[in-house]
Amino acid sequence: MADNRRTSARYVVSVQATLAITGANEACTIMNLSLGGALITASKRHAMGERVNLTFKVPTAADAIEIGATVRWADTTSVGVQFDGLRARDVWALNEYFKSLAA
């Protein structure tokens, strides 16, 4: 049996975002999203354990969601990040967004 340590459901999305690494901003697209992390397009390979900041907007949030994250895996076209922790209002907005995806 495979070891799947994810603690929250992932949702397939296409959300425009900005990935910031040591002051450099990179436009990207979030391809799947959960309360714990995201799969993001990447223009280059990112180092495992690298600290990043992700900023994105969903229709159910009044303001952009800004979250610190850690790179958990990467290849030349995508990067998987684990979020540090979301603010309560961001958790609510994402849960509402996920409900709208299922409708």
PDB file of N, CA and C in Angstrom:
ATOM      1  N   MET A   1       0.841  -1.183   0.000  1.00  0.00           N
ATOM      2  CA  MET A   1       0.000   0.000   0.000  1.00  0.00           C
ATOM      3  C   MET A   1       0.889   1.250   0.000  1.00  0.00           C
ATOM      4  N   ALA A   2       0.546   2.209  -0.820  1.00  0.00           N
ATOM      5  CA  ALA A   2       1.330   3.440  -0.943  1.00  0.00           C
ATOM      6  C   ALA A   2       1.181   4.303   0.308  1.00  0.00           C
ATOM      7  N   ASP A   3       2.244   4.993   0.645  1.00  0.00           N
ATOM      8  CA  ASP A   3       2.242   5.903   1.784  1.00  0.00           C
ATOM      9  C   ASP A   3       1.775   7.272   1.308  1.00  0.00           C
ATOM     10  N   ASN A   4       0.552   7.642   1.653  1.00  0.00           N
ATOM     11  CA  ASN A   4      -0.001   8.936   1.249  1.00  0.00           C
ATOM     12  C   ASN A   4      -0.202   9.767   2.506  1.00  0.00           C
ATOM     13  N   ARG A   5       0.671  10.751   2.708  1.00  0.00           N
ATOM     14  CA  ARG A   5       0.633  11.538   3.931  1.00  0.00           C
ATOM     15  C   ARG A   5      -0.182  12.811   3.806  1.00  0.00           C
ATOM     16  N   ARG A   6      -0.886  13.006   2.722  1.00  0.00           N
ATOM     17  CA  ARG A   6      -1.706  14.219   2.582  1.00  0.00           C
ATOM     18  C   ARG A   6      -2.835  14.182   3.605  1.00  0.00           C
ATOM     19  N   THR A   7      -3.097  15.338   4.185  1.00  0.00           N
ATOM     20  CA  THR A   7      -4.146  15.416   5.197  1.00  0.00           C
ATOM     21  C   THR A   7      -5.398  16.113   4.698  1.00  0.00           C
ATOM     22  N   SER A   8      -5.372  16.653   3.476  1.00  0.00           N
ATOM     23  CA  SER A   8      -6.557  17.312   2.942  1.00  0.00           C
ATOM     24  C   SER A   8      -6.733  16.978   1.466  1.00  0.00           C
ATOM     25  N   ALA A   9      -7.988  17.023   1.035  1.00  0.00           N
ATOM     26  CA  ALA A   9      -8.329  16.688  -0.348  1.00  0.00           C
ATOM     27  C   ALA A   9      -7.726  17.706  -1.311  1.00  0.00           C
ATOM     28  N   ARG A  10      -7.304  17.217  -2.488  1.00  0.00           N
ATOM     29  CA  ARG A  10      -6.771  18.082  -3.534  1.00  0.00           C
ATOM     30  C   ARG A  10      -7.843  18.319  -4.586  1.00  0.00           C
ATOM     31  N   TYR A  11      -7.854  19.512  -5.156  1.00  0.00           N
ATOM     32  CA  TYR A  11      -8.818  19.889  -6.179  1.00  0.00           C
ATOM     33  C   TYR A  11      -8.076  20.364  -7.420  1.00  0.00           C
ATOM     34  N   VAL A  12      -8.487  19.854  -8.581  1.00  0.00           N
ATOM     35  CA  VAL A  12      -7.901  20.288  -9.841  1.00  0.00           C
ATOM     36  C   VAL A  12      -8.430  21.690 -10.147  1.00  0.00           C
ATOM     37  N   VAL A  13      -7.515  22.622 -10.368  1.00  0.00           N
ATOM     38  CA  VAL A  13      -7.879  24.020 -10.619  1.00  0.00           C
ATOM     39  C   VAL A  13      -6.951  24.585 -11.697  1.00  0.00           C
ATOM     40  N   SER A  14      -7.234  25.786 -12.104  1.00  0.00           N
ATOM     41  CA  SER A  14      -6.324  26.555 -12.959  1.00  0.00           C
ATOM     42  C   SER A  14      -6.403  27.995 -12.457  1.00  0.00           C
ATOM     43  N   VAL A  15      -5.540  28.300 -11.493  1.00  0.00           N
ATOM     44  CA  VAL A  15      -5.558  29.591 -10.813  1.00  0.00           C
ATOM     45  C   VAL A  15      -4.232  30.300 -11.067  1.00  0.00           C
ATOM     46  N   GLN A  16      -4.302  31.521 -11.596  1.00  0.00           N
ATOM     47  CA  GLN A  16      -3.093  32.307 -11.823  1.00  0.00           C
ATOM     48  C   GLN A  16      -2.514  32.732 -10.474  1.00  0.00           C
ATOM     49  N   ALA A  17      -1.188  32.689 -10.366  1.00  0.00           N
ATOM     50  CA  ALA A  17      -0.544  32.987  -9.096  1.00  0.00           C
ATOM     51  C   ALA A  17       0.826  33.596  -9.338  1.00  0.00           C
ATOM     52  N   THR A  18       1.434  34.047  -8.250  1.00  0.00           N
ATOM     53  CA  THR A  18       2.808  34.523  -8.268  1.00  0.00           C
ATOM     54  C   THR A  18       3.591  33.742  -7.227  1.00  0.00           C
ATOM     55  N   LEU A  19       4.705  33.185  -7.658  1.00  0.00           N
ATOM     56  CA  LEU A  19       5.603  32.456  -6.785  1.00  0.00           C
ATOM     57  C   LEU A  19       6.811  33.352  -6.541  1.00  0.00           C
ATOM     58  N   ALA A  20       7.068  33.708  -5.288  1.00  0.00           N
ATOM     59  CA  ALA A  20       8.183  34.587  -4.949  1.00  0.00           C
ATOM     60  C   ALA A  20       9.257  33.787  -4.224  1.00  0.00           C
ATOM     61  N   ILE A  21      10.478  33.865  -4.759  1.00  0.00           N
ATOM     62  CA  ILE A  21      11.610  33.157  -4.175  1.00  0.00           C
ATOM     63  C   ILE A  21      12.757  34.141  -4.045  1.00  0.00           C
ATOM     64  N   THR A  22      13.193  34.357  -2.818  1.00  0.00           N
ATOM     65  CA  THR A  22      14.283  35.304  -2.524  1.00  0.00           C
ATOM     66  C   THR A  22      14.147  36.611  -3.304  1.00  0.00           C
ATOM     67  N   GLY A  23      12.957  37.182  -3.275  1.00  0.00           N
ATOM     68  CA  GLY A  23      12.722  38.477  -3.891  1.00  0.00           C
ATOM     69  C   GLY A  23      12.381  38.473  -5.362  1.00  0.00           C
ATOM     70  N   ALA A  24      12.568  37.348  -6.042  1.00  0.00           N
ATOM     71  CA  ALA A  24      12.245  37.270  -7.468  1.00  0.00           C
ATOM     72  C   ALA A  24      10.842  36.686  -7.634  1.00  0.00           C
ATOM     73  N   ASN A  25       9.997  37.361  -8.411  1.00  0.00           N
ATOM     74  CA  ASN A  25       8.634  36.899  -8.652  1.00  0.00           C
ATOM     75  C   ASN A  25       8.558  36.132  -9.966  1.00  0.00           C
ATOM     76  N   GLU A  26       7.814  35.044  -9.939  1.00  0.00           N
ATOM     77  CA  GLU A  26       7.614  34.203 -11.124  1.00  0.00           C
ATOM     78  C   GLU A  26       6.111  33.972 -11.298  1.00  0.00           C
ATOM     79  N   ALA A  27       5.575  34.354 -12.452  1.00  0.00           N
ATOM     80  CA  ALA A  27       4.171  34.052 -12.740  1.00  0.00           C
ATOM     81  C   ALA A  27       4.041  32.549 -12.903  1.00  0.00           C
ATOM     82  N   CYS A  28       2.952  32.003 -12.365  1.00  0.00           N
ATOM     83  CA  CYS A  28       2.735  30.560 -12.443  1.00  0.00           C
ATOM     84  C   CYS A  28       1.236  30.275 -12.431  1.00  0.00           C
ATOM     85  N   THR A  29       0.896  29.013 -12.596  1.00  0.00           N
ATOM     86  CA  THR A  29      -0.490  28.565 -12.517  1.00  0.00           C
ATOM     87  C   THR A  29      -0.576  27.447 -11.506  1.00  0.00           C
ATOM     88  N   ILE A  30      -1.525  27.553 -10.584  1.00  0.00           N
ATOM     89  CA  ILE A  30      -1.781  26.473  -9.636  1.00  0.00           C
ATOM     90  C   ILE A  30      -2.632  25.442 -10.362  1.00  0.00           C
ATOM     91  N   MET A  31      -2.135  24.202 -10.414  1.00  0.00           N
ATOM     92  CA  MET A  31      -2.846  23.133 -11.128  1.00  0.00           C
ATOM     93  C   MET A  31      -3.694  22.268 -10.207  1.00  0.00           C
ATOM     94  N   ASN A  32      -3.256  22.105  -8.971  1.00  0.00           N
ATOM     95  CA  ASN A  32      -4.136  21.511  -7.975  1.00  0.00           C
ATOM     96  C   ASN A  32      -3.857  22.165  -6.640  1.00  0.00           C
ATOM     97  N   LEU A  33      -4.882  22.165  -5.790  1.00  0.00           N
ATOM     98  CA  LEU A  33      -4.847  22.979  -4.589  1.00  0.00           C
ATOM     99  C   LEU A  33      -5.562  22.256  -3.462  1.00  0.00           C
ATOM    100  N   SER A  34      -5.033  22.385  -2.268  1.00  0.00           N
ATOM    101  CA  SER A  34      -5.679  21.861  -1.072  1.00  0.00           C
ATOM    102  C   SER A  34      -5.409  22.839   0.058  1.00  0.00           C
ATOM    103  N   LEU A  35      -5.916  22.537   1.234  1.00  0.00           N
ATOM    104  CA  LEU A  35      -5.628  23.375   2.387  1.00  0.00           C
ATOM    105  C   LEU A  35      -4.188  23.192   2.860  1.00  0.00           C
ATOM    106  N   GLY A  36      -3.535  22.136   2.389  1.00  0.00           N
ATOM    107  CA  GLY A  36      -2.176  21.847   2.827  1.00  0.00           C
ATOM    108  C   GLY A  36      -1.085  22.238   1.861  1.00  0.00           C
ATOM    109  N   GLY A  37      -1.435  22.474   0.582  1.00  0.00           N
ATOM    110  CA  GLY A  37      -0.396  22.798  -0.383  1.00  0.00           C
ATOM    111  C   GLY A  37      -0.935  22.913  -1.788  1.00  0.00           C
ATOM    112  N   ALA A  38      -0.010  22.929  -2.752  1.00  0.00           N
ATOM    113  CA  ALA A  38      -0.403  23.130  -4.145  1.00  0.00           C
ATOM    114  C   ALA A  38       0.625  22.526  -5.098  1.00  0.00           C
ATOM    115  N   LEU A  39       0.140  22.207  -6.286  1.00  0.00           N
ATOM    116  CA  LEU A  39       0.984  21.822  -7.411  1.00  0.00           C
ATOM    117  C   LEU A  39       0.965  23.005  -8.368  1.00  0.00           C
ATOM    118  N   ILE A  40       2.149  23.502  -8.723  1.00  0.00           N
ATOM    119  CA  ILE A  40       2.267  24.745  -9.460  1.00  0.00           C
ATOM    120  C   ILE A  40       3.146  24.535 -10.690  1.00  0.00           C
ATOM    121  N   THR A  41       2.803  25.213 -11.801  1.00  0.00           N
ATOM    122  CA  THR A  41       3.692  25.195 -12.965  1.00  0.00           C
ATOM    123  C   THR A  41       4.985  25.919 -12.586  1.00  0.00           C
ATOM    124  N   ALA A  42       6.055  25.540 -13.223  1.00  0.00           N
ATOM    125  CA  ALA A  42       7.338  26.186 -12.925  1.00  0.00           C
ATOM    126  C   ALA A  42       8.141  26.335 -14.203  1.00  0.00           C
ATOM    127  N   SER A  43       8.904  27.407 -14.281  1.00  0.00           N
ATOM    128  CA  SER A  43       9.742  27.629 -15.453  1.00  0.00           C
ATOM    129  C   SER A  43      11.148  27.086 -15.241  1.00  0.00           C
ATOM    130  N   LYS A  44      11.444  26.650 -14.014  1.00  0.00           N
ATOM    131  CA  LYS A  44      12.755  26.070 -13.706  1.00  0.00           C
ATOM    132  C   LYS A  44      12.593  25.091 -12.545  1.00  0.00           C
ATOM    133  N   ARG A  45      13.590  24.294 -12.336  1.00  0.00           N
ATOM    134  CA  ARG A  45      13.581  23.337 -11.231  1.00  0.00           C
ATOM    135  C   ARG A  45      13.892  24.071  -9.924  1.00  0.00           C
ATOM    136  N   HIS A  46      13.110  23.799  -8.904  1.00  0.00           N
ATOM    137  CA  HIS A  46      13.317  24.410  -7.594  1.00  0.00           C
ATOM    138  C   HIS A  46      13.904  23.376  -6.640  1.00  0.00           C
ATOM    139  N   ALA A  47      14.699  23.838  -5.703  1.00  0.00           N
ATOM    140  CA  ALA A  47      15.381  22.943  -4.775  1.00  0.00           C
ATOM    141  C   ALA A  47      14.437  22.435  -3.684  1.00  0.00           C
ATOM    142  N   MET A  48      14.565  21.173  -3.364  1.00  0.00           N
ATOM    143  CA  MET A  48      13.813  20.570  -2.267  1.00  0.00           C
ATOM    144  C   MET A  48      14.124  21.345  -0.981  1.00  0.00           C
ATOM    145  N   GLY A  49      13.081  21.707  -0.252  1.00  0.00           N
ATOM    146  CA  GLY A  49      13.252  22.445   0.993  1.00  0.00           C
ATOM    147  C   GLY A  49      13.337  23.946   0.825  1.00  0.00           C
ATOM    148  N   GLU A  50      13.346  24.428  -0.411  1.00  0.00           N
ATOM    149  CA  GLU A  50      13.418  25.869  -0.677  1.00  0.00           C
ATOM    150  C   GLU A  50      12.178  26.565  -0.121  1.00  0.00           C
ATOM    151  N   ARG A  51      12.373  27.730   0.478  1.00  0.00           N
ATOM    152  CA  ARG A  51      11.277  28.534   1.018  1.00  0.00           C
ATOM    153  C   ARG A  51      10.741  29.446  -0.074  1.00  0.00           C
ATOM    154  N   VAL A  52       9.421  29.489  -0.233  1.00  0.00           N
ATOM    155  CA  VAL A  52       8.779  30.317  -1.248  1.00  0.00           C
ATOM    156  C   VAL A  52       7.562  31.004  -0.637  1.00  0.00           C
ATOM    157  N   ASN A  53       7.063  31.995  -1.341  1.00  0.00           N
ATOM    158  CA  ASN A  53       5.790  32.628  -1.000  1.00  0.00           C
ATOM    159  C   ASN A  53       4.897  32.535  -2.225  1.00  0.00           C
ATOM    160  N   LEU A  54       3.647  32.205  -2.002  1.00  0.00           N
ATOM    161  CA  LEU A  54       2.677  32.056  -3.074  1.00  0.00           C
ATOM    162  C   LEU A  54       1.546  33.051  -2.847  1.00  0.00           C
ATOM    163  N   THR A  55       1.180  33.768  -3.898  1.00  0.00           N
ATOM    164  CA  THR A  55       0.072  34.723  -3.834  1.00  0.00           C
ATOM    165  C   THR A  55      -0.895  34.390  -4.952  1.00  0.00           C
ATOM    166  N   PHE A  56      -2.185  34.254  -4.597  1.00  0.00           N
ATOM    167  CA  PHE A  56      -3.208  33.933  -5.589  1.00  0.00           C
ATOM    168  C   PHE A  56      -4.564  34.422  -5.108  1.00  0.00           C
ATOM    169  N   LYS A  57      -5.495  34.488  -6.030  1.00  0.00           N
ATOM    170  CA  LYS A  57      -6.852  34.955  -5.746  1.00  0.00           C
ATOM    171  C   LYS A  57      -7.856  33.889  -6.144  1.00  0.00           C
ATOM    172  N   VAL A  58      -8.829  33.671  -5.279  1.00  0.00           N
ATOM    173  CA  VAL A  58      -9.964  32.810  -5.609  1.00  0.00           C
ATOM    174  C   VAL A  58     -11.230  33.656  -5.493  1.00  0.00           C
ATOM    175  N   PRO A  59     -12.291  33.285  -6.226  1.00  0.00           N
ATOM    176  CA  PRO A  59     -13.495  34.131  -6.251  1.00  0.00           C
ATOM    177  C   PRO A  59     -14.171  34.320  -4.898  1.00  0.00           C
ATOM    178  N   THR A  60     -13.928  33.415  -3.962  1.00  0.00           N
ATOM    179  CA  THR A  60     -14.609  33.489  -2.669  1.00  0.00           C
ATOM    180  C   THR A  60     -13.837  34.300  -1.629  1.00  0.00           C
ATOM    181  N   ALA A  61     -12.697  34.867  -2.011  1.00  0.00           N
ATOM    182  CA  ALA A  61     -11.896  35.674  -1.083  1.00  0.00           C
ATOM    183  C   ALA A  61     -11.906  37.130  -1.519  1.00  0.00           C
ATOM    184  N   ALA A  62     -12.098  38.023  -0.577  1.00  0.00           N
ATOM    185  CA  ALA A  62     -12.092  39.452  -0.884  1.00  0.00           C
ATOM    186  C   ALA A  62     -10.684  39.922  -1.254  1.00  0.00           C
ATOM    187  N   ASP A  63      -9.693  39.363  -0.601  1.00  0.00           N
ATOM    188  CA  ASP A  63      -8.300  39.750  -0.839  1.00  0.00           C
ATOM    189  C   ASP A  63      -7.515  38.549  -1.352  1.00  0.00           C
ATOM    190  N   ALA A  64      -6.360  38.812  -1.932  1.00  0.00           N
ATOM    191  CA  ALA A  64      -5.485  37.732  -2.381  1.00  0.00           C
ATOM    192  C   ALA A  64      -5.014  36.926  -1.173  1.00  0.00           C
ATOM    193  N   ILE A  65      -4.831  35.645  -1.392  1.00  0.00           N
ATOM    194  CA  ILE A  65      -4.275  34.766  -0.368  1.00  0.00           C
ATOM    195  C   ILE A  65      -2.762  34.779  -0.546  1.00  0.00           C
ATOM    196  N   GLU A  66      -2.051  35.091   0.531  1.00  0.00           N
ATOM    197  CA  GLU A  66      -0.594  35.097   0.520  1.00  0.00           C
ATOM    198  C   GLU A  66      -0.132  34.093   1.563  1.00  0.00           C
ATOM    199  N   ILE A  67       0.694  33.123   1.132  1.00  0.00           N
ATOM    200  CA  ILE A  67       1.084  32.053   2.039  1.00  0.00           C
ATOM    201  C   ILE A  67       2.542  31.668   1.835  1.00  0.00           C
ATOM    202  N   GLY A  68       3.240  31.459   2.910  1.00  0.00           N
ATOM    203  CA  GLY A  68       4.587  30.914   2.847  1.00  0.00           C
ATOM    204  C   GLY A  68       4.489  29.412   2.647  1.00  0.00           C
ATOM    205  N   ALA A  69       5.488  28.828   1.998  1.00  0.00           N
ATOM    206  CA  ALA A  69       5.455  27.400   1.715  1.00  0.00           C
ATOM    207  C   ALA A  69       6.872  26.862   1.560  1.00  0.00           C
ATOM    208  N   THR A  70       6.955  25.538   1.586  1.00  0.00           N
ATOM    209  CA  THR A  70       8.217  24.837   1.404  1.00  0.00           C
ATOM    210  C   THR A  70       8.104  23.910   0.206  1.00  0.00           C
ATOM    211  N   VAL A  71       9.107  23.924  -0.668  1.00  0.00           N
ATOM    212  CA  VAL A  71       9.129  23.017  -1.814  1.00  0.00           C
ATOM    213  C   VAL A  71       9.336  21.597  -1.297  1.00  0.00           C
ATOM    214  N   ARG A  72       8.415  20.687  -1.670  1.00  0.00           N
ATOM    215  CA  ARG A  72       8.504  19.291  -1.258  1.00  0.00           C
ATOM    216  C   ARG A  72       8.985  18.397  -2.386  1.00  0.00           C
ATOM    217  N   TRP A  73       8.768  18.818  -3.631  1.00  0.00           N
ATOM    218  CA  TRP A  73       9.316  18.106  -4.803  1.00  0.00           C
ATOM    219  C   TRP A  73       9.231  19.031  -6.001  1.00  0.00           C
ATOM    220  N   ALA A  74      10.042  18.745  -7.009  1.00  0.00           N
ATOM    221  CA  ALA A  74      10.034  19.583  -8.213  1.00  0.00           C
ATOM    222  C   ALA A  74      10.648  18.828  -9.378  1.00  0.00           C
ATOM    223  N   ASP A  75      10.193  19.181 -10.578  1.00  0.00           N
ATOM    224  CA  ASP A  75      10.858  18.762 -11.812  1.00  0.00           C
ATOM    225  C   ASP A  75      10.988  20.014 -12.671  1.00  0.00           C
ATOM    226  N   THR A  76      11.249  19.873 -13.944  1.00  0.00           N
ATOM    227  CA  THR A  76      11.495  21.059 -14.775  1.00  0.00           C
ATOM    228  C   THR A  76      10.228  21.801 -15.181  1.00  0.00           C
ATOM    229  N   THR A  77       9.044  21.229 -14.936  1.00  0.00           N
ATOM    230  CA  THR A  77       7.799  21.887 -15.344  1.00  0.00           C
ATOM    231  C   THR A  77       6.829  22.169 -14.198  1.00  0.00           C
ATOM    232  N   SER A  78       7.058  21.592 -13.028  1.00  0.00           N
ATOM    233  CA  SER A  78       6.131  21.809 -11.923  1.00  0.00           C
ATOM    234  C   SER A  78       6.831  21.673 -10.576  1.00  0.00           C
ATOM    235  N   VAL A  79       6.166  22.204  -9.569  1.00  0.00           N
ATOM    236  CA  VAL A  79       6.703  22.172  -8.211  1.00  0.00           C
ATOM    237  C   VAL A  79       5.555  21.927  -7.236  1.00  0.00           C
ATOM    238  N   GLY A  80       5.796  21.067  -6.281  1.00  0.00           N
ATOM    239  CA  GLY A  80       4.813  20.800  -5.225  1.00  0.00           C
ATOM    240  C   GLY A  80       5.253  21.497  -3.955  1.00  0.00           C
ATOM    241  N   VAL A  81       4.351  22.292  -3.373  1.00  0.00           N
ATOM    242  CA  VAL A  81       4.691  23.019  -2.151  1.00  0.00           C
ATOM    243  C   VAL A  81       3.732  22.654  -1.027  1.00  0.00           C
ATOM    244  N   GLN A  82       4.259  22.684   0.184  1.00  0.00           N
ATOM    245  CA  GLN A  82       3.461  22.477   1.385  1.00  0.00           C
ATOM    246  C   GLN A  82       3.338  23.823   2.083  1.00  0.00           C
ATOM    247  N   PHE A  83       2.094  24.226   2.368  1.00  0.00           N
ATOM    248  CA  PHE A  83       1.847  25.513   3.012  1.00  0.00           C
ATOM    249  C   PHE A  83       2.322  25.505   4.460  1.00  0.00           C
ATOM    250  N   ASP A  84       2.756  26.683   4.932  1.00  0.00           N
ATOM    251  CA  ASP A  84       3.126  26.844   6.337  1.00  0.00           C
ATOM    252  C   ASP A  84       1.892  26.792   7.224  1.00  0.00           C
ATOM    253  N   GLY A  85       0.824  27.382   6.774  1.00  0.00           N
ATOM    254  CA  GLY A  85      -0.411  27.474   7.549  1.00  0.00           C
ATOM    255  C   GLY A  85      -1.225  28.635   7.035  1.00  0.00           C
ATOM    256  N   LEU A  86      -2.491  28.404   6.865  1.00  0.00           N
ATOM    257  CA  LEU A  86      -3.383  29.433   6.327  1.00  0.00           C
ATOM    258  C   LEU A  86      -4.062  30.196   7.452  1.00  0.00           C
ATOM    259  N   ARG A  87      -4.367  31.451   7.198  1.00  0.00           N
ATOM    260  CA  ARG A  87      -5.175  32.234   8.140  1.00  0.00           C
ATOM    261  C   ARG A  87      -6.608  31.700   8.097  1.00  0.00           C
ATOM    262  N   ALA A  88      -7.348  31.892   9.161  1.00  0.00           N
ATOM    263  CA  ALA A  88      -8.721  31.380   9.256  1.00  0.00           C
ATOM    264  C   ALA A  88      -9.581  31.870   8.100  1.00  0.00           C
ATOM    265  N   ARG A  89      -9.449  33.141   7.734  1.00  0.00           N
ATOM    266  CA  ARG A  89     -10.276  33.672   6.633  1.00  0.00           C
ATOM    267  C   ARG A  89      -9.918  33.009   5.303  1.00  0.00           C
ATOM    268  N   ASP A  90      -8.645  32.634   5.129  1.00  0.00           N
ATOM    269  CA  ASP A  90      -8.227  31.960   3.901  1.00  0.00           C
ATOM    270  C   ASP A  90      -8.733  30.523   3.863  1.00  0.00           C
ATOM    271  N   VAL A  91      -8.732  29.851   5.013  1.00  0.00           N
ATOM    272  CA  VAL A  91      -9.297  28.501   5.097  1.00  0.00           C
ATOM    273  C   VAL A  91     -10.769  28.550   4.713  1.00  0.00           C
ATOM    274  N   TRP A  92     -11.504  29.529   5.249  1.00  0.00           N
ATOM    275  CA  TRP A  92     -12.932  29.653   4.926  1.00  0.00           C
ATOM    276  C   TRP A  92     -13.112  29.896   3.432  1.00  0.00           C
ATOM    277  N   ALA A  93     -12.351  30.843   2.876  1.00  0.00           N
ATOM    278  CA  ALA A  93     -12.488  31.178   1.449  1.00  0.00           C
ATOM    279  C   ALA A  93     -12.166  29.971   0.575  1.00  0.00           C
ATOM    280  N   LEU A  94     -11.116  29.236   0.905  1.00  0.00           N
ATOM    281  CA  LEU A  94     -10.762  28.050   0.111  1.00  0.00           C
ATOM    282  C   LEU A  94     -11.818  26.964   0.228  1.00  0.00           C
ATOM    283  N   ASN A  95     -12.337  26.731   1.421  1.00  0.00           N
ATOM    284  CA  ASN A  95     -13.397  25.727   1.572  1.00  0.00           C
ATOM    285  C   ASN A  95     -14.628  26.096   0.760  1.00  0.00           C
ATOM    286  N   GLU A  96     -14.977  27.374   0.734  1.00  0.00           N
ATOM    287  CA  GLU A  96     -16.112  27.832  -0.074  1.00  0.00           C
ATOM    288  C   GLU A  96     -15.805  27.655  -1.570  1.00  0.00           C
ATOM    289  N   TYR A  97     -14.590  27.948  -1.964  1.00  0.00           N
ATOM    290  CA  TYR A  97     -14.157  27.753  -3.355  1.00  0.00           C
ATOM    291  C   TYR A  97     -14.235  26.274  -3.738  1.00  0.00           C
ATOM    292  N   PHE A  98     -13.743  25.406  -2.864  1.00  0.00           N
ATOM    293  CA  PHE A  98     -13.794  23.960  -3.144  1.00  0.00           C
ATOM    294  C   PHE A  98     -15.236  23.471  -3.282  1.00  0.00           C
ATOM    295  N   LYS A  99     -16.146  24.003  -2.456  1.00  0.00           N
ATOM    296  CA  LYS A  99     -17.559  23.639  -2.569  1.00  0.00           C
ATOM    297  C   LYS A  99     -18.103  24.046  -3.938  1.00  0.00           C
ATOM    298  N   SER A 100     -17.699  25.224  -4.425  1.00  0.00           N
ATOM    299  CA  SER A 100     -18.194  25.693  -5.722  1.00  0.00           C
ATOM    300  C   SER A 100     -17.660  24.828  -6.860  1.00  0.00           C
ATOM    301  N   LEU A 101     -16.485  24.251  -6.693  1.00  0.00           N
ATOM    302  CA  LEU A 101     -15.923  23.370  -7.725  1.00  0.00           C
ATOM    303  C   LEU A 101     -16.704  22.066  -7.842  1.00  0.00           C
ATOM    304  N   ALA A 102     -17.234  21.618  -6.714  1.00  0.00           N
ATOM    305  CA  ALA A 102     -17.970  20.350  -6.676  1.00  0.00           C
ATOM    306  C   ALA A 102     -19.401  20.506  -7.192  1.00  0.00           C
ATOM    307  N   ALA A 103     -19.882  21.745  -7.248  1.00  0.00           N
ATOM    308  CA  ALA A 103     -21.269  21.992  -7.666  1.00  0.00           C
ATOM    309  C   ALA A 103     -21.476  21.802  -9.158  1.00  0.00           C
TER     310      ALA A 103
END
